[in-house]
Amino acid sequence: MDTLAWLQRWYAEQCDGDWEHGYGIEIGTLDNPGWRVRINCTGTIVEGRPFSPLKVERTETDWLHAWWRMASSIPPAERTT
């Protein structure tokens, strides 16, 4: 299964008639160029689970950085929901 199909399935599994109205996934672009994916895990089985930051830099244009922040530590203007 490709990554986008997996993400779609995961999102659909979280939808319960309420969760999807307050939380969710945001996909945007970066200016270097790249993609930004924000996933609000509040109310999911992964909320509160340990997550070690991930940094993979294959080339200048092929890289991945991933980390976790509590929603309360994100400035309101940057929050997805």
C-alpha atoms as a PDB file:
ATOM      1  CA  MET A   1       0.000   0.000   0.000  1.00  0.00           C
ATOM      2  CA  ASP A   2       1.405   3.399  -0.861  1.00  0.00           C
ATOM      3  CA  THR A   3       1.774   6.117   1.766  1.00  0.00           C
ATOM      4  CA  LEU A   4      -1.126   8.276   0.602  1.00  0.00           C
ATOM      5  CA  ALA A   5      -3.515   5.321   0.571  1.00  0.00           C
ATOM      6  CA  TRP A   6      -2.350   4.374   4.084  1.00  0.00           C
ATOM      7  CA  LEU A   7      -2.909   7.944   5.308  1.00  0.00           C
ATOM      8  CA  GLN A   8      -6.390   8.031   3.769  1.00  0.00           C
ATOM      9  CA  ARG A   9      -7.275   4.748   5.471  1.00  0.00           C
ATOM     10  CA  TRP A  10      -5.897   5.947   8.845  1.00  0.00           C
ATOM     11  CA  TYR A  11      -7.883   9.198   8.597  1.00  0.00           C
ATOM     12  CA  ALA A  12     -11.087   7.344   7.726  1.00  0.00           C
ATOM     13  CA  GLU A  13     -10.572   5.049  10.741  1.00  0.00           C
ATOM     14  CA  GLN A  14     -10.411   8.088  13.053  1.00  0.00           C
ATOM     15  CA  CYS A  15     -13.629   9.621  11.718  1.00  0.00           C
ATOM     16  CA  ASP A  16     -16.449   8.993  14.155  1.00  0.00           C
ATOM     17  CA  GLY A  17     -18.825  11.834  13.336  1.00  0.00           C
ATOM     18  CA  ASP A  18     -17.054  14.116  15.824  1.00  0.00           C
ATOM     19  CA  TRP A  19     -13.257  13.725  15.631  1.00  0.00           C
ATOM     20  CA  GLU A  20     -13.002  14.894  12.025  1.00  0.00           C
ATOM     21  CA  HIS A  21     -14.687  18.205  12.899  1.00  0.00           C
ATOM     22  CA  GLY A  22     -12.074  19.142  15.487  1.00  0.00           C
ATOM     23  CA  TYR A  23      -8.878  17.422  14.367  1.00  0.00           C
ATOM     24  CA  GLY A  24      -7.318  16.168  11.194  1.00  0.00           C
ATOM     25  CA  ILE A  25      -4.517  16.243   8.663  1.00  0.00           C
ATOM     26  CA  GLU A  26      -3.046  19.211   6.821  1.00  0.00           C
ATOM     27  CA  ILE A  27      -0.786  18.891   3.780  1.00  0.00           C
ATOM     28  CA  GLY A  28       1.002  21.973   2.480  1.00  0.00           C
ATOM     29  CA  THR A  29       4.066  23.035   0.576  1.00  0.00           C
ATOM     30  CA  LEU A  30       7.385  24.456   1.774  1.00  0.00           C
ATOM     31  CA  ASP A  31       9.456  27.066  -0.007  1.00  0.00           C
ATOM     32  CA  ASN A  32      12.663  25.061  -0.367  1.00  0.00           C
ATOM     33  CA  PRO A  33      10.757  23.087  -2.108  1.00  0.00           C
ATOM     34  CA  GLY A  34       9.097  20.377  -0.118  1.00  0.00           C
ATOM     35  CA  TRP A  35       5.968  19.182   1.621  1.00  0.00           C
ATOM     36  CA  ARG A  36       4.689  19.687   5.165  1.00  0.00           C
ATOM     37  CA  VAL A  37       2.278  17.189   6.692  1.00  0.00           C
ATOM     38  CA  ARG A  38       0.685  17.940  10.060  1.00  0.00           C
ATOM     39  CA  ILE A  39      -1.396  15.301  11.767  1.00  0.00           C
ATOM     40  CA  ASN A  40      -3.351  16.130  14.914  1.00  0.00           C
ATOM     41  CA  CYS A  41      -3.367  12.865  16.867  1.00  0.00           C
ATOM     42  CA  THR A  42      -5.630  14.082  19.673  1.00  0.00           C
ATOM     43  CA  GLY A  43      -8.144  11.380  20.507  1.00  0.00           C
ATOM     44  CA  THR A  44      -6.375   8.658  18.497  1.00  0.00           C
ATOM     45  CA  ILE A  45      -4.556   5.557  19.697  1.00  0.00           C
ATOM     46  CA  VAL A  46      -1.208   7.223  18.981  1.00  0.00           C
ATOM     47  CA  GLU A  47      -1.869  10.240  21.210  1.00  0.00           C
ATOM     48  CA  GLY A  48       0.799  10.351  23.910  1.00  0.00           C
ATOM     49  CA  ARG A  49       2.893   7.502  22.508  1.00  0.00           C
ATOM     50  CA  PRO A  50       6.649   8.077  22.413  1.00  0.00           C
ATOM     51  CA  PHE A  51       7.991   9.330  19.096  1.00  0.00           C
ATOM     52  CA  SER A  52      11.693   9.827  18.452  1.00  0.00           C
ATOM     53  CA  PRO A  53      12.541  12.657  16.054  1.00  0.00           C
ATOM     54  CA  LEU A  54      13.522  11.383  12.624  1.00  0.00           C
ATOM     55  CA  LYS A  55      15.957  13.074  10.258  1.00  0.00           C
ATOM     56  CA  VAL A  56      16.871  11.484   6.907  1.00  0.00           C
ATOM     57  CA  GLU A  57      18.894  13.571   4.467  1.00  0.00           C
ATOM     58  CA  ARG A  58      19.781  11.636   1.320  1.00  0.00           C
ATOM     59  CA  THR A  59      20.440  14.645  -0.916  1.00  0.00           C
ATOM     60  CA  GLU A  60      19.680  18.374  -0.911  1.00  0.00           C
ATOM     61  CA  THR A  61      16.265  17.641  -2.455  1.00  0.00           C
ATOM     62  CA  ASP A  62      15.542  14.189  -0.963  1.00  0.00           C
ATOM     63  CA  TRP A  63      15.066  14.506   2.780  1.00  0.00           C
ATOM     64  CA  LEU A  64      12.618  13.894   5.612  1.00  0.00           C
ATOM     65  CA  HIS A  65      12.342  15.445   9.064  1.00  0.00           C
ATOM     66  CA  ALA A  66       9.658  14.239  11.469  1.00  0.00           C
ATOM     67  CA  TRP A  67       8.931  15.188  15.074  1.00  0.00           C
ATOM     68  CA  TRP A  68       6.099  15.386  17.546  1.00  0.00           C
ATOM     69  CA  ARG A  69       4.814  18.394  19.483  1.00  0.00           C
ATOM     70  CA  MET A  70       1.920  18.662  21.902  1.00  0.00           C
ATOM     71  CA  ALA A  71      -0.873  20.681  20.307  1.00  0.00           C
ATOM     72  CA  SER A  72      -0.815  23.077  23.262  1.00  0.00           C
ATOM     73  CA  SER A  73       2.797  24.019  22.440  1.00  0.00           C
ATOM     74  CA  ILE A  74       1.962  25.067  18.873  1.00  0.00           C
ATOM     75  CA  PRO A  75       1.130  28.752  18.407  1.00  0.00           C
ATOM     76  CA  PRO A  76      -2.562  29.195  17.501  1.00  0.00           C
ATOM     77  CA  ALA A  77      -1.717  30.619  14.055  1.00  0.00           C
ATOM     78  CA  GLU A  78       0.162  27.384  13.186  1.00  0.00           C
ATOM     79  CA  ARG A  79      -2.427  24.891  14.456  1.00  0.00           C
ATOM     80  CA  THR A  80      -4.293  22.771  11.945  1.00  0.00           C
ATOM     81  CA  THR A  81      -7.409  22.708  14.115  1.00  0.00           C
END
